[in-house]
């Protein structure tokens, strides 16, 4: 089974930036879409961004930019102009379809925590 490991979370002041990384163990990384999701305390998990195998992206919030380096089996989430309400555990996930629907993803990381403060 594919193992996904997120990193890069931490404490960030409002207006600051963070870049999250997600490293995949599988050699077929370049064949799959990589999605980013987050779950805030007391809330359901929600979609953040997704990148297709070829690099097409969908990110409803323009403050968040997703990218990937297939040579490094790594996906990234660049987060700018962070707000306290962006506080959440951020997860990456791998799946066969480029979609915001979390049900389409078959592998998930354990998450990395982002805490924003004002």
Protein backbone atom coordinates (compact mmCIF):
# COMPACT_ATOMS: atom_id res chain seq x y z
CA UNK A 1 0.00 0.00 0.00
CA UNK A 2 1.16 3.50 -0.77
CA UNK A 3 2.45 5.47 2.17
CA UNK A 4 1.97 9.22 2.19
CA UNK A 5 3.82 11.42 4.66
CA UNK A 6 3.01 15.09 5.11
CA UNK A 7 5.33 17.66 6.61
CA UNK A 8 5.73 21.39 6.89
CA UNK A 9 2.96 22.27 9.28
CA UNK A 10 3.44 24.57 12.21
CA UNK A 11 2.49 27.81 13.90
CA UNK A 12 2.09 30.79 11.63
CA UNK A 13 0.99 34.36 12.19
CA UNK A 14 -1.91 35.76 10.22
CA UNK A 15 -0.73 36.88 6.82
CA UNK A 16 2.15 34.44 6.81
CA UNK A 17 2.92 31.53 4.51
CA UNK A 18 3.68 27.86 4.79
CA UNK A 19 4.53 25.16 2.29
CA UNK A 20 3.38 21.67 3.02
CA UNK A 21 4.98 18.63 1.45
CA UNK A 22 3.62 15.17 0.84
CA UNK A 23 6.04 12.38 -0.04
CA UNK A 24 4.67 9.18 -1.55
CA UNK A 25 6.39 5.84 -1.28
CA UNK A 26 5.02 4.35 -4.51
CA UNK A 27 6.92 4.51 -7.78
CA UNK A 28 3.64 5.04 -9.64
CA UNK A 29 3.19 8.45 -8.03
CA UNK A 30 3.16 10.20 -11.40
CA UNK A 31 0.08 8.22 -12.48
CA UNK A 32 -2.22 9.58 -9.81
CA UNK A 33 -3.94 12.75 -8.76
CA UNK A 34 -2.88 14.27 -5.46
CA UNK A 35 -5.44 16.01 -3.35
CA UNK A 36 -5.13 18.19 -0.29
CA UNK A 37 -7.82 18.28 2.36
CA UNK A 38 -8.10 19.75 5.82
CA UNK A 39 -10.06 19.20 8.98
CA UNK A 40 -10.52 21.96 11.49
CA UNK A 41 -11.37 21.20 15.12
CA UNK A 42 -14.98 20.15 15.43
CA UNK A 43 -15.60 20.29 11.70
CA UNK A 44 -15.78 17.84 8.84
CA UNK A 45 -12.89 17.32 6.51
CA UNK A 46 -13.00 19.61 3.48
CA UNK A 47 -11.34 19.84 0.11
CA UNK A 48 -8.49 22.32 -0.40
CA UNK A 49 -6.84 21.64 -3.76
CA UNK A 50 -5.96 18.92 -6.24
CA UNK A 51 -3.36 18.38 -8.94
CA UNK A 52 -3.69 15.94 -11.81
CA UNK A 53 -0.90 13.59 -12.92
CA UNK A 54 -0.04 15.99 -15.74
CA UNK A 55 -0.05 19.06 -13.50
CA UNK A 56 -3.50 20.53 -13.97
CA UNK A 57 -4.78 22.09 -10.80
CA UNK A 58 -8.01 23.04 -9.12
CA UNK A 59 -7.88 25.23 -6.05
CA UNK A 60 -11.03 27.19 -5.16
CA UNK A 61 -9.12 29.40 -2.75
CA UNK A 62 -6.43 31.29 -4.67
CA UNK A 63 -4.33 31.63 -1.51
CA UNK A 64 -3.55 27.93 -1.81
CA UNK A 65 -1.45 26.61 -4.69
CA UNK A 66 -0.77 22.94 -5.33
CA UNK A 67 2.19 21.61 -7.27
CA UNK A 68 4.08 18.38 -7.71
CA UNK A 69 7.52 17.04 -8.52
CA UNK A 70 7.11 13.59 -9.99
CA UNK A 71 10.86 12.94 -9.90
CA UNK A 72 10.73 13.33 -6.12
CA UNK A 73 7.37 11.63 -5.60
CA UNK A 74 6.31 14.78 -3.80
CA UNK A 75 3.29 17.04 -3.85
CA UNK A 76 3.25 20.50 -2.33
CA UNK A 77 0.67 22.89 -0.98
CA UNK A 78 1.77 26.50 -0.85
CA UNK A 79 -0.40 28.48 1.53
CA UNK A 80 -0.23 32.28 1.53
CA UNK A 81 -1.99 35.03 3.46
CA UNK A 82 -2.92 32.56 6.14
CA UNK A 83 -5.73 33.33 8.54
CA UNK A 84 -6.50 31.95 12.00
CA UNK A 85 -9.48 30.14 10.47
CA UNK A 86 -7.08 28.13 8.31
CA UNK A 87 -6.12 26.28 11.46
CA UNK A 88 -6.59 22.58 10.74
CA UNK A 89 -4.89 19.29 10.17
CA UNK A 90 -3.95 19.13 6.51
CA UNK A 91 -3.97 15.80 4.70
CA UNK A 92 -2.72 14.71 1.33
CA UNK A 93 -4.36 11.89 -0.56
CA UNK A 94 -3.73 9.92 -3.72
CA UNK A 95 -6.32 8.73 -6.19
CA UNK A 96 -7.05 7.83 -9.80
CA UNK A 97 -9.35 10.78 -10.48
CA UNK A 98 -8.65 14.51 -10.28
CA UNK A 99 -11.57 15.48 -8.12
CA UNK A 100 -12.53 17.29 -4.92
CA UNK A 101 -14.53 14.23 -3.85
CA UNK A 102 -12.60 12.64 -1.01
CA UNK A 103 -14.34 9.33 -1.60
CA UNK A 104 -12.29 8.87 -4.78
CA UNK A 105 -8.97 8.78 -2.95
CA UNK A 106 -7.53 5.45 -1.86
CA UNK A 107 -4.46 6.49 0.12
CA UNK A 108 -4.19 9.10 2.83
CA UNK A 109 -1.43 10.54 4.93
CA UNK A 110 -1.72 11.04 8.67
CA UNK A 111 -1.78 14.79 8.36
CA UNK A 112 0.24 17.77 9.45
CA UNK A 113 -1.13 20.44 11.77
CA UNK A 114 -1.28 24.09 10.81
CA UNK A 115 -2.13 26.64 13.47
CA UNK A 116 -2.73 30.23 12.54
CA UNK A 117 -2.85 33.02 15.07
CA UNK A 118 -3.57 36.73 14.94
